[in-house]
């Protein structure tokens, strides 16, 4: 299968690219190379003759038309997006333009190409989204594919809008789409502005480890390589028009997650005091959702997928990866906004 992967130099997109190439798929990596992208993420895949790269912005419709015509993909895996909630609070316009207008451009370019090819039934437009579109849960319950949308941040609202556009293009034009909504990802190559890499790198540098509020917000943690495996399964075997929730089945309070990382570092890179002594509670993010949890029944029962990595295993691997790969993350610390408190509103 020839895959056009948007955002393939980002965190989740690069995991998809690496796995797809390793499994023998042809991959066209379309990425604008904005601040969170890094071609080092796909350096190994780029050695393969199955891989090609196109630097382009999904807001540029002419570039998209050219890429579709040149590469003639069998499927699109659309991951390109602005994704950091705190940045969406400070500057929502990029999220509206990329996540909504960019997705519209992708849909129209894909539809034009699909029609020109004679509307092949085998074509797929796989839209990758987030569980944040569903809003916030209380102490009980899980998000299902039927949970009503209730986004609370500019980021989640922009992703909710993009989900609705994809469904509309399926209903109105018959475009063969599949959708997925995932829980929080973590693992190697995670850009150092999200919680887990921030904790690891602040700990190593002896800086305060910021925890929002009291650290009681709960997230379901999904190892990124498990997520990539699920995404490839959905694009290959998912039912057209169907959406699938992808979760890690690993719920943790933020404070417990942070303490676990500190304990791992205490073992792997010991110092006089525990890294947990650096934990600092800071003012909470505006509109911070209390809890996310995914019900993975559909993807488990219909496609036979379950996560293979527990959060304990995944955190061990992730911490070790950051310890071993300073040459990857050190240059990224100089990029705009990294290491700063964003999203105060």
Protein backbone atom coordinates (compact mmCIF):
# COMPACT_ATOMS: atom_id res chain seq x y z
CA UNK A 1 0.00 0.00 0.00
CA UNK A 2 1.24 3.49 -0.84
CA UNK A 3 0.51 5.85 2.05
CA UNK A 4 0.50 9.64 2.06
CA UNK A 5 1.22 10.53 5.70
CA UNK A 6 0.73 14.16 6.67
CA UNK A 7 2.71 15.38 9.66
CA UNK A 8 5.15 12.52 9.25
CA UNK A 9 8.03 14.42 10.85
CA UNK A 10 6.06 14.98 14.03
CA UNK A 11 5.78 12.73 17.06
CA UNK A 12 2.95 10.33 16.17
CA UNK A 13 3.35 10.78 12.43
CA UNK A 14 7.00 9.76 12.51
CA UNK A 15 6.12 6.62 14.48
CA UNK A 16 3.63 5.75 11.73
CA UNK A 17 6.24 6.41 9.03
CA UNK A 18 8.88 4.26 10.74
CA UNK A 19 6.49 1.35 11.28
CA UNK A 20 4.89 1.54 7.83
CA UNK A 21 8.25 1.50 6.04
CA UNK A 22 9.45 -1.39 8.23
CA UNK A 23 6.38 -3.35 7.11
CA UNK A 24 7.02 -2.77 3.44
CA UNK A 25 4.60 0.07 2.70
CA UNK A 26 5.59 2.89 0.40
CA UNK A 27 5.37 6.15 2.36
CA UNK A 28 5.20 9.74 1.19
CA UNK A 29 5.89 11.97 4.18
CA UNK A 30 4.21 15.37 3.77
CA UNK A 31 5.30 17.84 6.44
CA UNK A 32 5.63 21.63 6.65
CA UNK A 33 8.50 21.29 9.16
CA UNK A 34 7.05 23.72 11.68
CA UNK A 35 8.57 24.13 15.15
CA UNK A 36 7.64 20.66 16.50
CA UNK A 37 8.77 18.69 13.43
CA UNK A 38 12.15 17.01 13.14
CA UNK A 39 13.40 14.97 10.20
CA UNK A 40 15.77 13.15 12.56
CA UNK A 41 12.61 11.34 13.74
CA UNK A 42 12.49 9.47 10.42
CA UNK A 43 16.21 9.26 9.65
CA UNK A 44 16.20 5.46 9.65
CA UNK A 45 13.10 5.22 7.43
CA UNK A 46 14.58 7.78 5.05
CA UNK A 47 17.34 5.31 4.16
CA UNK A 48 14.74 3.10 2.47
CA UNK A 49 13.74 3.42 -1.18
CA UNK A 50 10.15 3.01 0.06
CA UNK A 51 10.32 6.50 1.62
CA UNK A 52 9.97 9.92 0.03
CA UNK A 53 9.55 13.38 1.53
CA UNK A 54 7.55 16.42 0.45
CA UNK A 55 7.91 19.66 2.38
CA UNK A 56 4.54 21.34 2.04
CA UNK A 57 1.90 23.05 4.13
CA UNK A 58 -1.60 21.55 4.21
CA UNK A 59 -2.92 25.10 3.94
CA UNK A 60 -1.43 25.22 0.41
CA UNK A 61 -4.03 23.58 -1.83
CA UNK A 62 -1.94 23.82 -5.01
CA UNK A 63 0.92 21.96 -3.33
CA UNK A 64 -1.47 19.24 -2.18
CA UNK A 65 -2.90 18.77 -5.67
CA UNK A 66 0.63 18.42 -7.06
CA UNK A 67 1.60 15.85 -4.42
CA UNK A 68 -1.50 13.72 -5.03
CA UNK A 69 -0.95 13.80 -8.80
CA UNK A 70 2.74 12.99 -8.49
CA UNK A 71 2.60 10.19 -5.92
CA UNK A 72 -0.87 8.66 -6.51
CA UNK A 73 -1.38 7.24 -2.99
CA UNK A 74 -3.68 4.35 -2.11
CA UNK A 75 -4.54 5.94 1.22
CA UNK A 76 -4.08 9.13 3.23
CA UNK A 77 -3.18 9.11 6.91
CA UNK A 78 -3.86 12.66 8.04
CA UNK A 79 -1.94 13.51 11.21
CA UNK A 80 -0.67 17.03 10.44
CA UNK A 81 -2.01 19.34 13.14
CA UNK A 82 -1.15 21.90 15.75
CA UNK A 83 -1.50 19.86 18.93
CA UNK A 84 -0.31 21.66 22.08
CA UNK A 85 -3.24 22.82 24.21
CA UNK A 86 -1.22 25.52 25.98
CA UNK A 87 -0.11 27.03 22.66
CA UNK A 88 -3.74 27.00 21.48
CA UNK A 89 -4.69 29.15 24.47
CA UNK A 90 -1.98 31.70 23.67
CA UNK A 91 -2.42 31.69 19.89
CA UNK A 92 -5.56 29.95 18.58
CA UNK A 93 -5.32 31.25 15.01
CA UNK A 94 -2.68 28.70 13.95
CA UNK A 95 -4.94 25.94 15.23
CA UNK A 96 -7.94 27.20 13.27
CA UNK A 97 -5.91 27.62 10.08
CA UNK A 98 -4.04 24.30 10.23
CA UNK A 99 -6.47 21.95 11.92
CA UNK A 100 -9.67 23.19 10.26
CA UNK A 101 -8.71 24.92 7.01
CA UNK A 102 -5.82 22.51 6.48
CA UNK A 103 -8.09 19.50 6.91
CA UNK A 104 -10.60 21.06 4.50
CA UNK A 105 -7.81 21.42 1.93
CA UNK A 106 -6.73 17.81 2.46
CA UNK A 107 -10.29 16.58 2.01
CA UNK A 108 -10.80 18.56 -1.18
CA UNK A 109 -7.44 17.54 -2.63
CA UNK A 110 -8.14 13.90 -1.75
CA UNK A 111 -11.66 14.06 -3.19
CA UNK A 112 -10.43 15.62 -6.44
CA UNK A 113 -7.77 12.93 -6.77
CA UNK A 114 -10.19 10.12 -5.84
CA UNK A 115 -12.75 11.26 -8.43
CA UNK A 116 -10.05 11.58 -11.11
CA UNK A 117 -8.99 7.99 -10.35
CA UNK A 118 -12.55 6.76 -10.92
CA UNK A 119 -13.58 6.67 -7.24
CA UNK A 120 -11.77 3.43 -6.33
CA UNK A 121 -13.52 1.67 -3.45
CA UNK A 122 -10.15 0.69 -1.99
CA UNK A 123 -9.07 4.31 -1.38
CA UNK A 124 -9.03 5.49 2.24
CA UNK A 125 -8.82 8.88 3.95
CA UNK A 126 -7.83 8.12 7.54
CA UNK A 127 -8.29 11.09 9.84
CA UNK A 128 -6.38 10.85 13.13
CA UNK A 129 -7.86 12.81 16.03
CA UNK A 130 -7.94 13.03 19.82
CA UNK A 131 -10.14 12.03 22.74
CA UNK A 132 -10.08 15.68 23.85
CA UNK A 133 -12.97 16.38 21.45
CA UNK A 134 -15.25 14.58 23.94
CA UNK A 135 -14.59 17.01 26.79
CA UNK A 136 -14.07 15.97 30.39
CA UNK A 137 -15.19 12.95 32.40
CA UNK A 138 -16.00 12.66 36.07
CA UNK A 139 -14.58 9.96 38.31
CA UNK A 140 -16.42 7.21 36.42
CA UNK A 141 -17.16 6.30 32.81
CA UNK A 142 -15.25 6.19 29.53
CA UNK A 143 -15.47 7.83 26.12
CA UNK A 144 -17.09 5.66 23.46
CA UNK A 145 -17.43 6.41 19.76
CA UNK A 146 -20.97 7.64 20.51
CA UNK A 147 -19.97 10.11 23.23
CA UNK A 148 -21.26 13.60 22.31
CA UNK A 149 -18.59 16.13 21.42
CA UNK A 150 -17.87 18.73 24.08
CA UNK A 151 -14.47 20.36 23.37
CA UNK A 152 -13.15 22.76 26.00
CA UNK A 153 -9.99 24.33 24.49
CA UNK A 154 -9.17 26.01 21.17
CA UNK A 155 -7.12 22.91 20.31
CA UNK A 156 -9.88 20.39 21.00
CA UNK A 157 -12.48 22.61 19.32
CA UNK A 158 -10.34 22.77 16.18
CA UNK A 159 -9.93 18.99 16.15
CA UNK A 160 -13.66 18.50 16.73
CA UNK A 161 -14.36 20.74 13.74
CA UNK A 162 -11.96 18.72 11.60
CA UNK A 163 -13.67 15.47 12.65
CA UNK A 164 -17.03 16.90 11.58
CA UNK A 165 -15.62 17.98 8.23
CA UNK A 166 -14.33 14.48 7.54
CA UNK A 167 -17.71 12.93 8.33
CA UNK A 168 -19.44 15.55 6.18
CA UNK A 169 -17.22 14.74 3.18
CA UNK A 170 -18.07 11.07 3.64
CA UNK A 171 -21.81 11.71 3.81
CA UNK A 172 -21.99 14.38 1.12
CA UNK A 173 -19.45 13.20 -1.42
CA UNK A 174 -19.03 9.52 -0.57
CA UNK A 175 -15.32 9.88 0.22
CA UNK A 176 -14.19 6.60 1.85
CA UNK A 177 -13.06 7.72 5.29
CA UNK A 178 -12.13 6.16 8.61
CA UNK A 179 -11.53 8.11 11.82
CA UNK A 180 -9.66 7.41 15.03
CA UNK A 181 -9.61 9.26 18.35
CA UNK A 182 -6.72 8.45 20.67
CA UNK A 183 -5.74 9.02 24.26
CA UNK A 184 -2.52 10.74 25.39
CA UNK A 185 0.56 9.45 23.56
CA UNK A 186 4.10 9.20 24.92
CA UNK A 187 7.37 7.57 23.95
CA UNK A 188 10.56 8.23 21.95
CA UNK A 189 10.88 11.40 19.84
CA UNK A 190 8.23 13.27 21.86
CA UNK A 191 8.80 17.00 21.38
CA UNK A 192 9.97 18.55 24.68
CA UNK A 193 6.92 20.70 25.39
CA UNK A 194 4.53 17.94 26.53
CA UNK A 195 4.27 16.61 30.08
CA UNK A 196 6.47 13.50 30.04
CA UNK A 197 9.50 14.92 28.18
CA UNK A 198 9.22 18.15 30.20
CA UNK A 199 9.36 16.14 33.43
CA UNK A 200 12.36 14.11 32.26
CA UNK A 201 14.39 17.04 30.95
CA UNK A 202 13.60 19.42 33.81
CA UNK A 203 14.57 16.69 36.25
CA UNK A 204 17.88 16.09 34.49
CA UNK A 205 18.66 19.81 34.40
CA UNK A 206 17.87 20.31 38.09
CA UNK A 207 14.97 22.65 37.32
CA UNK A 208 11.51 22.68 38.94
CA UNK A 209 9.21 19.98 37.56
CA UNK A 210 5.91 21.81 36.95
CA UNK A 211 2.66 20.04 37.81
CA UNK A 212 -0.60 21.85 37.06
CA UNK A 213 -2.97 22.41 39.98
CA UNK A 214 -2.76 19.53 42.44
CA UNK A 215 -1.79 16.99 39.79
CA UNK A 216 -5.11 15.17 40.12
CA UNK A 217 -6.08 15.30 36.44
CA UNK A 218 -6.29 11.78 35.00
CA UNK A 219 -5.15 10.70 31.55
CA UNK A 220 -5.08 7.38 29.71
CA UNK A 221 -1.52 6.85 28.43
CA UNK A 222 -0.87 5.19 25.06
CA UNK A 223 2.65 4.23 23.99
CA UNK A 224 3.23 5.84 20.60
CA UNK A 225 4.44 2.67 18.88
CA UNK A 226 1.27 0.87 19.99
CA UNK A 227 -0.72 3.75 18.55
CA UNK A 228 1.11 3.53 15.21
CA UNK A 229 0.32 -0.18 15.07
CA UNK A 230 -3.38 0.52 15.66
CA UNK A 231 -3.46 3.27 13.04
CA UNK A 232 -2.01 1.02 10.34
CA UNK A 233 -4.53 -1.67 11.25
CA UNK A 234 -7.41 0.80 10.90
CA UNK A 235 -6.28 2.14 7.52
CA UNK A 236 -5.88 -1.43 6.25
CA UNK A 237 -8.94 -3.12 7.79
CA UNK A 238 -11.21 -0.47 9.30
CA UNK A 239 -14.79 -0.28 8.04
CA UNK A 240 -15.45 2.72 5.78
CA UNK A 241 -17.31 5.45 7.65
CA UNK A 242 -16.47 3.95 11.02
CA UNK A 243 -14.64 5.64 13.88
CA UNK A 244 -12.44 3.83 16.39
CA UNK A 245 -11.30 4.95 19.82
CA UNK A 246 -7.70 3.96 20.57
CA UNK A 247 -6.66 3.88 24.22
CA UNK A 248 -3.74 2.62 26.22
CA UNK A 249 -5.84 1.14 29.06
CA UNK A 250 -3.39 2.90 31.40
CA UNK A 251 -5.14 5.60 33.46
CA UNK A 252 -2.94 7.59 35.82
CA UNK A 253 -3.20 10.82 37.80
CA UNK A 254 -0.64 13.32 36.55
CA UNK A 255 1.08 13.50 39.93
CA UNK A 256 1.42 9.71 40.09
CA UNK A 257 2.85 9.63 36.58
CA UNK A 258 5.38 12.33 37.47
CA UNK A 259 6.44 10.52 40.64
CA UNK A 260 6.89 7.30 38.68
CA UNK A 261 9.20 9.08 36.23
CA UNK A 262 11.19 10.54 39.13
CA UNK A 263 11.55 7.09 40.69
CA UNK A 264 12.83 5.67 37.39
CA UNK A 265 15.37 8.49 37.14
CA UNK A 266 16.42 7.88 40.75
CA UNK A 267 17.43 4.36 39.66
CA UNK A 268 18.86 5.14 36.24
CA UNK A 269 20.64 8.46 36.95
CA UNK A 270 20.95 8.69 40.78
CA UNK A 271 21.93 11.89 42.56
CA UNK A 272 22.10 13.03 46.18
CA UNK A 273 18.40 13.92 46.49
CA UNK A 274 15.37 12.37 44.83
CA UNK A 275 14.18 13.97 41.62
CA UNK A 276 10.73 14.08 43.25
CA UNK A 277 12.05 16.94 45.41
CA UNK A 278 11.95 19.10 42.26
CA UNK A 279 8.17 18.70 41.83
CA UNK A 280 6.53 22.13 41.93
CA UNK A 281 2.78 22.71 41.80
CA UNK A 282 1.88 25.61 39.51
CA UNK A 283 -1.29 27.49 38.60
CA UNK A 284 -3.61 25.21 36.66
CA UNK A 285 -4.27 25.55 32.95
CA UNK A 286 -7.53 27.42 32.15
CA UNK A 287 -10.33 24.92 31.45
CA UNK A 288 -8.12 21.93 32.32
CA UNK A 289 -10.20 18.78 31.72
CA UNK A 290 -10.38 16.60 34.82
CA UNK A 291 -10.23 13.14 33.30
CA UNK A 292 -10.00 11.33 29.97
CA UNK A 293 -10.57 7.60 29.56
CA UNK A 294 -11.10 5.58 26.38
CA UNK A 295 -13.44 2.61 25.97
CA UNK A 296 -11.51 0.49 23.42
CA UNK A 297 -14.22 -2.15 22.96
CA UNK A 298 -14.88 -1.46 19.27
CA UNK A 299 -11.30 -1.68 18.02
CA UNK A 300 -10.67 -4.70 20.26
CA UNK A 301 -13.79 -6.62 19.19
CA UNK A 302 -13.93 -5.63 15.51
CA UNK A 303 -10.23 -5.47 14.61
CA UNK A 304 -8.63 -7.53 17.37
CA UNK A 305 -6.31 -4.78 18.61
CA UNK A 306 -5.12 -4.17 22.15
CA UNK A 307 -2.14 -2.19 23.46
CA UNK A 308 0.96 -4.28 24.13
CA UNK A 309 2.89 -1.88 26.39
CA UNK A 310 1.89 -1.05 29.96
CA UNK A 311 2.57 2.44 31.25
CA UNK A 312 5.26 1.06 33.56
CA UNK A 313 7.05 -0.61 30.64
CA UNK A 314 6.57 2.41 28.40
CA UNK A 315 7.92 4.89 30.93
CA UNK A 316 11.02 2.75 31.51
CA UNK A 317 11.67 2.69 27.75
CA UNK A 318 10.91 6.39 27.33
CA UNK A 319 13.15 7.58 30.16
CA UNK A 320 15.99 5.39 28.89
CA UNK A 321 15.52 6.75 25.37
CA UNK A 322 15.88 10.35 26.56
CA UNK A 323 18.95 9.43 28.60
CA UNK A 324 20.50 7.83 25.51
CA UNK A 325 19.51 10.51 22.98
CA UNK A 326 20.62 13.90 24.25
CA UNK A 327 21.92 14.65 20.75
CA UNK A 328 18.30 14.53 19.54
CA UNK A 329 16.62 16.66 22.20
CA UNK A 330 19.32 19.17 23.10
CA UNK A 331 18.99 21.28 19.90
CA UNK A 332 15.19 21.33 20.26
CA UNK A 333 15.38 23.16 23.58
CA UNK A 334 16.26 26.36 21.72
CA UNK A 335 13.05 26.36 19.67
CA UNK A 336 10.37 28.97 20.33
CA UNK A 337 8.37 28.48 23.51
CA UNK A 338 10.19 25.36 24.71
CA UNK A 339 10.86 25.54 28.43
CA UNK A 340 8.44 28.43 28.94
CA UNK A 341 5.11 28.36 30.76
CA UNK A 342 2.45 28.75 28.09
CA UNK A 343 -1.34 28.82 28.20
CA UNK A 344 -1.98 31.06 31.18
CA UNK A 345 -4.74 32.97 29.30
